[in-house]
């Protein structure tokens, strides 16, 4: 059974953790306060584990980064970059700034010529980051119930890791589209902004993106 370590304990971490359990993975969620994950562990059964960020990084053959964007680098430092060396790390984060949205548009702490994924890849060059799960709400990350199969756009510098993430996305009910190297995150991360606008303005949160090919 494949082991997945999740750095984080919020709604994204729990949603993906439950999804991996559903699809027969062994999962560890992590937190600085492990006691708050007792309910998740109890509901998850024998394949659900909890621990520190470092524990999750060591545990997972695949690791999920599911924290606030402005805490991502610190979380990896706490997990220990040496524990993530050459591993596939699925980066679900977005560089959302601590500022109010403007007309429903989130504000980012990056600019058009950089992405959070690139910043993380530069800081931790021996980690195989793959951007995924950042452009949809947590309720639709696993087995999304839409009339058509939605598209998850991914990118990263390691082809083997992207193939691994592609397989996970297919298992989770998604069509995966590889957009290339980490620089493509400059376009993928802002999809979160676009996804949130209908929700911010009209309370509409039940949607996803799909790439239509001619």
Protein backbone atom coordinates (compact mmCIF):
# COMPACT_ATOMS: atom_id res chain seq x y z
CA UNK A 1 0.00 0.00 0.00
CA UNK A 2 1.38 3.40 -1.02
CA UNK A 3 2.09 5.86 1.78
CA UNK A 4 1.15 9.54 1.54
CA UNK A 5 2.36 12.15 3.99
CA UNK A 6 0.42 15.39 4.21
CA UNK A 7 2.09 18.52 5.56
CA UNK A 8 -0.92 20.34 6.99
CA UNK A 9 -4.13 19.69 8.87
CA UNK A 10 -6.70 22.15 7.46
CA UNK A 11 -9.65 21.55 5.16
CA UNK A 12 -7.49 20.87 2.08
CA UNK A 13 -5.27 18.46 4.01
CA UNK A 14 -8.26 16.61 5.44
CA UNK A 15 -10.13 16.48 2.13
CA UNK A 16 -7.15 15.04 0.30
CA UNK A 17 -6.34 12.77 3.22
CA UNK A 18 -9.85 11.33 3.11
CA UNK A 19 -9.55 10.96 -0.66
CA UNK A 20 -6.33 9.02 -0.46
CA UNK A 21 -7.81 6.77 2.24
CA UNK A 22 -10.86 6.18 0.04
CA UNK A 23 -8.59 5.13 -2.81
CA UNK A 24 -6.59 2.68 -0.71
CA UNK A 25 -3.55 4.70 0.32
CA UNK A 26 -2.03 4.82 3.79
CA UNK A 27 -2.08 8.43 4.97
CA UNK A 28 -0.46 10.59 7.63
CA UNK A 29 -1.81 14.07 8.40
CA UNK A 30 0.46 16.40 10.35
CA UNK A 31 0.23 19.35 12.67
CA UNK A 32 2.17 21.23 15.32
CA UNK A 33 -0.71 20.18 17.60
CA UNK A 34 -1.25 16.50 16.83
CA UNK A 35 -4.03 16.21 19.44
CA UNK A 36 -6.42 18.18 17.21
CA UNK A 37 -6.21 15.41 14.60
CA UNK A 38 -7.49 12.70 16.94
CA UNK A 39 -11.00 12.83 15.43
CA UNK A 40 -9.67 12.45 11.89
CA UNK A 41 -7.47 9.51 12.90
CA UNK A 42 -10.35 7.76 14.64
CA UNK A 43 -12.68 8.14 11.66
CA UNK A 44 -9.95 7.17 9.20
CA UNK A 45 -9.32 3.74 10.65
CA UNK A 46 -6.15 1.67 10.66
CA UNK A 47 -4.63 3.33 7.58
CA UNK A 48 -4.93 6.86 9.02
CA UNK A 49 -1.97 8.21 10.97
CA UNK A 50 -1.01 11.53 12.53
CA UNK A 51 2.29 13.15 13.40
CA UNK A 52 4.51 16.20 13.08
CA UNK A 53 5.47 17.81 9.77
CA UNK A 54 8.76 15.92 10.02
CA UNK A 55 6.95 12.64 10.67
CA UNK A 56 4.75 13.14 7.59
CA UNK A 57 7.74 13.99 5.39
CA UNK A 58 9.52 10.82 6.48
CA UNK A 59 6.37 8.69 6.22
CA UNK A 60 5.24 9.55 2.72
CA UNK A 61 6.60 8.10 -0.50
CA UNK A 62 4.49 10.93 -1.92
CA UNK A 63 4.05 14.11 0.11
CA UNK A 64 1.32 16.76 -0.11
CA UNK A 65 2.03 20.37 0.83
CA UNK A 66 -1.30 21.72 2.11
CA UNK A 67 -0.65 24.85 4.15
CA UNK A 68 -1.17 28.57 3.61
CA UNK A 69 1.04 29.88 0.84
CA UNK A 70 2.88 32.32 3.08
CA UNK A 71 3.73 29.44 5.44
CA UNK A 72 4.86 26.95 2.77
CA UNK A 73 8.63 27.50 2.95
CA UNK A 74 8.66 27.42 6.75
CA UNK A 75 6.59 24.23 6.76
CA UNK A 76 9.12 22.53 4.48
CA UNK A 77 11.98 23.70 6.68
CA UNK A 78 10.16 22.27 9.69
CA UNK A 79 9.49 19.00 7.87
CA UNK A 80 13.17 18.79 6.94
CA UNK A 81 14.13 19.20 3.28
CA UNK A 82 16.39 16.17 3.65
CA UNK A 83 13.27 14.08 4.31
CA UNK A 84 11.77 15.25 1.01
CA UNK A 85 14.87 14.78 -1.12
CA UNK A 86 13.96 13.41 -4.59
CA UNK A 87 10.37 12.75 -3.46
CA UNK A 88 7.27 13.87 -5.33
CA UNK A 89 5.75 16.77 -3.38
CA UNK A 90 2.33 17.87 -4.61
CA UNK A 91 2.13 21.63 -4.02
CA UNK A 92 -1.50 22.66 -3.47
CA UNK A 93 -0.63 26.16 -2.24
CA UNK A 94 -1.42 29.59 -3.64
CA UNK A 95 0.43 32.83 -2.83
CA UNK A 96 -2.60 34.55 -1.32
CA UNK A 97 -1.67 37.79 0.42
CA UNK A 98 -2.99 38.94 3.78
CA UNK A 99 -5.16 41.59 2.13
CA UNK A 100 -8.83 41.90 1.30
CA UNK A 101 -9.98 40.88 -2.19
CA UNK A 102 -10.71 43.69 -4.63
CA UNK A 103 -14.04 43.28 -6.49
CA UNK A 104 -13.87 39.58 -5.74
CA UNK A 105 -10.27 39.21 -6.92
CA UNK A 106 -7.77 37.77 -4.45
CA UNK A 107 -4.46 39.54 -3.99
CA UNK A 108 -1.19 37.62 -4.33
CA UNK A 109 2.23 38.31 -2.84
CA UNK A 110 3.92 37.18 -6.07
CA UNK A 111 3.96 38.99 -9.42
CA UNK A 112 3.39 38.01 -13.06
CA UNK A 113 7.02 36.98 -13.49
CA UNK A 114 7.24 34.59 -10.56
CA UNK A 115 5.17 31.94 -8.82
CA UNK A 116 5.19 30.39 -5.38
CA UNK A 117 6.10 27.05 -6.92
CA UNK A 118 9.20 28.59 -8.50
CA UNK A 119 10.21 30.22 -5.23
CA UNK A 120 9.90 26.88 -3.43
CA UNK A 121 11.73 24.99 -6.19
CA UNK A 122 14.61 27.47 -6.06
CA UNK A 123 14.84 27.29 -2.27
CA UNK A 124 14.58 23.49 -2.19
CA UNK A 125 16.15 22.28 -5.46
CA UNK A 126 16.31 18.59 -4.48
CA UNK A 127 12.53 18.33 -4.00
CA UNK A 128 10.38 17.27 -6.97
CA UNK A 129 7.52 19.75 -6.67
CA UNK A 130 4.40 19.36 -8.81
CA UNK A 131 1.69 22.02 -8.73
CA UNK A 132 -1.82 20.52 -8.49
CA UNK A 133 -5.14 20.86 -6.64
CA UNK A 134 -4.70 24.63 -6.30
CA UNK A 135 -7.41 25.69 -8.78
CA UNK A 136 -10.55 24.21 -7.21
CA UNK A 137 -12.25 24.17 -3.82
CA UNK A 138 -11.54 21.33 -1.42
CA UNK A 139 -15.07 19.93 -1.82
CA UNK A 140 -14.29 18.96 -5.42
CA UNK A 141 -10.71 17.74 -5.15
CA UNK A 142 -11.64 14.07 -4.98
CA UNK A 143 -14.26 12.42 -7.24
CA UNK A 144 -15.82 15.72 -8.42
CA UNK A 145 -19.47 15.27 -9.40
CA UNK A 146 -19.75 17.40 -12.53
CA UNK A 147 -21.52 16.54 -15.80
CA UNK A 148 -18.15 16.43 -17.55
CA UNK A 149 -14.75 15.40 -16.25
CA UNK A 150 -12.91 18.59 -15.18
CA UNK A 151 -9.30 19.43 -15.97
CA UNK A 152 -6.54 19.81 -13.41
CA UNK A 153 -3.57 21.77 -14.74
CA UNK A 154 -0.21 20.64 -13.39
CA UNK A 155 3.42 21.65 -13.85
CA UNK A 156 6.84 20.83 -12.48
CA UNK A 157 10.40 20.08 -13.51
CA UNK A 158 10.49 16.31 -12.98
CA UNK A 159 8.69 14.19 -15.56
CA UNK A 160 8.50 11.06 -13.40
CA UNK A 161 6.88 13.00 -10.57
CA UNK A 162 4.37 14.59 -12.95
CA UNK A 163 3.48 11.14 -14.29
CA UNK A 164 2.88 9.99 -10.72
CA UNK A 165 0.60 12.96 -10.05
CA UNK A 166 -1.17 12.38 -13.37
CA UNK A 167 -2.06 8.86 -12.23
CA UNK A 168 -3.36 10.14 -8.89
CA UNK A 169 -5.53 12.73 -10.62
CA UNK A 170 -7.03 10.11 -12.92
CA UNK A 171 -7.80 7.93 -9.90
CA UNK A 172 -9.44 10.94 -8.25
CA UNK A 173 -11.70 11.56 -11.26
CA UNK A 174 -9.77 14.30 -13.05
CA UNK A 175 -8.32 14.85 -16.49
CA UNK A 176 -4.73 15.98 -15.98
CA UNK A 177 -3.02 18.43 -18.33
CA UNK A 178 0.73 18.89 -18.04
CA UNK A 179 1.62 22.53 -18.71
CA UNK A 180 5.39 22.05 -18.55
CA UNK A 181 8.08 23.37 -16.22
CA UNK A 182 7.70 25.23 -12.94
CA UNK A 183 7.39 28.56 -14.78
CA UNK A 184 3.90 27.47 -15.89
CA UNK A 185 2.80 27.98 -12.30
CA UNK A 186 2.78 31.71 -13.12
CA UNK A 187 -0.39 30.92 -15.09
CA UNK A 188 -1.76 28.04 -13.01
CA UNK A 189 -1.66 29.72 -9.60
CA UNK A 190 -3.86 32.65 -10.74
CA UNK A 191 -6.56 30.12 -11.68
CA UNK A 192 -7.40 30.16 -7.98
CA UNK A 193 -8.23 33.85 -8.34
CA UNK A 194 -10.49 33.11 -11.28
CA UNK A 195 -12.13 30.15 -9.54
CA UNK A 196 -12.95 32.28 -6.48
CA UNK A 197 -14.52 35.27 -8.30
CA UNK A 198 -18.01 33.73 -8.81
CA UNK A 199 -17.99 32.70 -5.16
CA UNK A 200 -16.85 36.06 -3.89
CA UNK A 201 -19.33 38.02 -6.00
CA UNK A 202 -22.35 35.69 -6.25
CA UNK A 203 -21.86 32.89 -3.74
CA UNK A 204 -21.31 30.37 -6.54
CA UNK A 205 -18.68 27.83 -5.54
CA UNK A 206 -19.70 24.67 -7.46
CA UNK A 207 -17.57 24.79 -10.58
CA UNK A 208 -14.26 23.70 -12.07
CA UNK A 209 -12.18 24.28 -15.20
CA UNK A 210 -12.13 22.13 -18.31
CA UNK A 211 -9.75 22.30 -21.28
CA UNK A 212 -11.71 21.75 -24.50
CA UNK A 213 -9.59 20.48 -27.38
CA UNK A 214 -10.41 21.00 -31.04
